[in-house]
Amino acid sequence: MPTSPLTTNQDLDPHRLRQAFGVFPTGVVAVAAEVDGRLVGLAASSFTAVSLDPPLVSFSVANTSKTWPDLRRADHLGLTVLADHHGTVCRQLAGPVDDRFDGIVTTVTDDGAATLDDGLVRYDTTIYREVEAGDHTLVLLRLHGVQHSAEQTDATLPLVFHRSTFGRLADPA
């Protein structure tokens, strides 16, 4: 059944555009580091693999972020792929700055990259490049280390952000 053609001069209302973007589900990562002796971090639902050679990943951060100016000063950044049981943790990482890591078990490398101990995958990264992209900044990160447990069960699934809510993938069985 044919659909109507796309209109080229349509009003790209931010509310309608956010709804359209929300149709595509994404995974969620915690981005964190120790900066000036304290843990700083945020949750990002725009994580993606970019390149194998050199090994690069990316995420986007709002230009209005109050956390990114501090976080970007870190020598290394830790990225943790969040599991489907991390919905509360994700909301906490988006909440008040002083409470973001309360009760969350983390590991900090000698270079300052902070990761959540129970994440699905943990990456040690540095900023490769930042690209201004409208109301966000695309952050390209160079990978220096990865920890992915081969012992994870199929029951361990990633946290999924879809239509402004958290969910999980259907079990593959």
Protein backbone atom coordinates (compact mmCIF):
# COMPACT_ATOMS: atom_id res chain seq x y z
CA MET A 1 0.00 0.00 0.00
CA PRO A 2 1.67 3.27 -1.06
CA THR A 3 2.14 6.04 1.46
CA SER A 4 1.98 9.75 0.80
CA PRO A 5 5.22 11.42 -0.30
CA LEU A 6 7.35 13.29 2.21
CA THR A 7 6.68 17.00 2.30
CA THR A 8 9.85 18.98 1.69
CA ASN A 9 8.75 22.24 3.35
CA GLN A 10 7.08 20.83 6.44
CA ASP A 11 7.37 22.43 9.84
CA LEU A 12 9.84 20.34 11.84
CA ASP A 13 8.21 21.07 15.18
CA PRO A 14 10.61 19.97 17.99
CA HIS A 15 7.84 18.07 19.82
CA ARG A 16 6.82 16.13 16.70
CA LEU A 17 10.46 15.57 15.77
CA ARG A 18 11.23 14.17 19.25
CA GLN A 19 8.31 11.76 18.82
CA ALA A 20 9.64 10.68 15.43
CA PHE A 21 13.18 10.19 16.77
CA GLY A 22 11.74 8.17 19.67
CA VAL A 23 10.42 5.50 17.32
CA PHE A 24 13.97 4.20 16.93
CA PRO A 25 15.11 2.34 20.10
CA THR A 26 18.62 2.91 21.40
CA GLY A 27 20.84 1.44 24.06
CA VAL A 28 21.97 3.49 27.04
CA VAL A 29 25.46 4.08 28.43
CA ALA A 30 26.85 5.73 31.51
CA VAL A 31 29.72 8.12 30.73
CA ALA A 32 31.83 8.80 33.82
CA ALA A 33 35.21 9.84 35.16
CA GLU A 34 36.90 11.06 38.27
CA VAL A 35 37.44 14.82 37.92
CA ASP A 36 39.11 16.85 40.65
CA GLY A 37 38.71 13.96 43.10
CA ARG A 38 34.97 13.39 42.57
CA LEU A 39 32.91 11.17 40.28
CA VAL A 40 31.22 13.00 37.42
CA GLY A 41 28.90 11.32 34.97
CA LEU A 42 25.82 11.27 32.81
CA ALA A 43 23.58 8.85 30.95
CA ALA A 44 23.50 8.92 27.14
CA SER A 45 21.06 7.14 24.82
CA SER A 46 22.95 8.04 21.66
CA PHE A 47 25.87 5.59 21.92
CA THR A 48 27.07 3.85 18.78
CA ALA A 49 30.08 1.98 17.46
CA VAL A 50 31.87 4.01 14.78
CA SER A 51 35.11 2.38 13.63
CA LEU A 52 37.30 -0.68 14.15
CA ASP A 53 40.47 0.95 12.82
CA PRO A 54 41.04 3.10 14.76
CA PRO A 55 38.67 1.78 17.42
CA LEU A 56 36.08 4.56 17.89
CA VAL A 57 32.67 4.92 19.49
CA SER A 58 30.46 7.96 19.89
CA PHE A 59 27.66 9.55 21.88
CA SER A 60 25.92 12.91 21.76
CA VAL A 61 25.49 15.37 24.59
CA ALA A 62 23.20 18.41 24.74
CA ASN A 63 25.01 21.72 24.43
CA THR A 64 23.10 22.83 27.53
CA SER A 65 24.62 20.03 29.65
CA LYS A 66 26.03 21.32 32.92
CA THR A 67 27.96 18.05 33.38
CA TRP A 68 29.83 17.81 30.06
CA PRO A 69 32.13 20.84 30.63
CA ASP A 70 33.50 19.11 33.76
CA LEU A 71 33.48 15.59 32.34
CA ARG A 72 35.35 16.55 29.18
CA ARG A 73 38.33 17.73 31.30
CA ALA A 74 39.04 14.14 32.40
CA ASP A 75 42.11 12.39 31.00
CA HIS A 76 40.04 9.25 30.31
CA LEU A 77 36.31 8.59 30.23
CA GLY A 78 34.66 5.34 31.22
CA LEU A 79 31.63 4.11 29.30
CA THR A 80 29.36 1.41 30.67
CA VAL A 81 26.67 -0.27 28.57
CA LEU A 82 23.72 -0.44 30.95
CA ALA A 83 21.70 -3.62 31.47
CA ASP A 84 17.92 -3.85 31.47
CA HIS A 85 17.86 -3.72 35.29
CA HIS A 86 19.59 -0.31 35.28
CA GLY A 87 16.51 1.88 34.68
CA THR A 88 16.72 3.38 38.17
CA VAL A 89 20.49 3.88 37.82
CA CYS A 90 19.96 5.65 34.51
CA ARG A 91 17.42 8.05 36.04
CA GLN A 92 19.81 8.62 38.95
CA LEU A 93 22.62 9.52 36.50
CA ALA A 94 20.29 12.11 34.98
CA GLY A 95 19.30 13.51 38.39
CA PRO A 96 20.95 15.85 40.90
CA VAL A 97 24.72 16.00 40.35
CA ASP A 98 25.67 15.35 43.98
CA ASP A 99 23.55 12.18 44.15
CA ARG A 100 24.39 10.55 40.83
CA PHE A 101 26.70 7.85 42.19
CA ASP A 102 25.05 7.20 45.57
CA GLY A 103 24.90 3.44 46.08
CA ILE A 104 26.40 2.66 42.67
CA VAL A 105 29.47 0.40 42.73
CA THR A 106 32.13 1.76 40.38
CA THR A 107 35.73 1.14 39.45
CA VAL A 108 38.06 4.03 38.59
CA THR A 109 41.21 3.39 36.54
CA ASP A 110 44.54 5.07 37.28
CA ASP A 111 43.72 7.43 34.37
CA GLY A 112 40.37 8.41 35.91
CA ALA A 113 37.91 6.46 33.74
CA ALA A 114 34.96 5.37 35.91
CA THR A 115 32.72 2.43 35.04
CA LEU A 116 29.83 0.66 36.75
CA ASP A 117 30.94 -2.74 37.98
CA ASP A 118 27.79 -4.56 36.86
CA GLY A 119 27.56 -3.12 33.34
CA LEU A 120 27.28 -5.31 30.26
CA VAL A 121 30.40 -3.86 28.66
CA ARG A 122 32.92 -1.39 30.09
CA TYR A 123 35.15 0.82 27.95
CA ASP A 124 38.17 2.98 28.75
CA THR A 125 38.26 5.90 26.30
CA THR A 126 39.70 9.30 25.50
CA ILE A 127 38.15 12.10 23.50
CA TYR A 128 39.14 11.75 19.85
CA ARG A 129 37.11 14.64 18.47
CA GLU A 130 34.08 16.78 19.29
CA VAL A 131 31.78 17.91 16.48
CA GLU A 132 29.18 20.63 16.95
CA ALA A 133 25.89 19.30 15.64
CA GLY A 134 22.99 21.68 16.16
CA ASP A 135 21.83 21.70 19.77
CA HIS A 136 24.12 18.75 20.61
CA THR A 137 27.81 17.91 20.40
CA LEU A 138 28.82 14.60 18.86
CA VAL A 139 31.68 13.17 20.91
CA LEU A 140 33.95 10.67 19.19
CA LEU A 141 35.92 8.53 21.63
CA ARG A 142 39.05 6.44 21.07
CA LEU A 143 38.96 3.05 22.80
CA HIS A 144 41.91 2.04 24.97
CA GLY A 145 40.38 -0.93 26.75
CA VAL A 146 37.25 -3.02 26.80
CA GLN A 147 35.88 -5.50 29.30
CA HIS A 148 33.11 -7.78 28.12
CA SER A 149 32.33 -10.84 30.15
CA ALA A 150 31.91 -13.96 28.05
CA GLU A 151 30.15 -15.45 31.08
CA GLN A 152 27.09 -13.23 30.75
CA THR A 153 23.95 -15.20 30.20
CA ASP A 154 21.43 -14.62 27.45
CA ALA A 155 19.16 -13.36 30.24
CA THR A 156 21.42 -10.32 30.57
CA LEU A 157 20.01 -7.83 28.09
CA PRO A 158 20.75 -4.14 27.45
CA LEU A 159 18.64 -1.29 28.73
CA VAL A 160 16.65 0.13 25.82
CA PHE A 161 15.37 3.70 25.52
CA HIS A 162 12.28 3.87 23.31
CA ARG A 163 9.61 6.57 23.07
CA SER A 164 11.02 8.35 26.13
CA THR A 165 10.79 5.28 28.38
CA PHE A 166 13.11 2.46 29.39
CA GLY A 167 12.45 -1.09 28.34
CA ARG A 168 14.12 -4.32 27.42
CA LEU A 169 14.52 -6.45 24.36
CA ALA A 170 12.43 -9.56 24.05
CA ASP A 171 14.25 -12.70 25.17
CA PRO A 172 15.78 -14.39 22.11
CA ALA A 173 14.36 -17.80 23.05
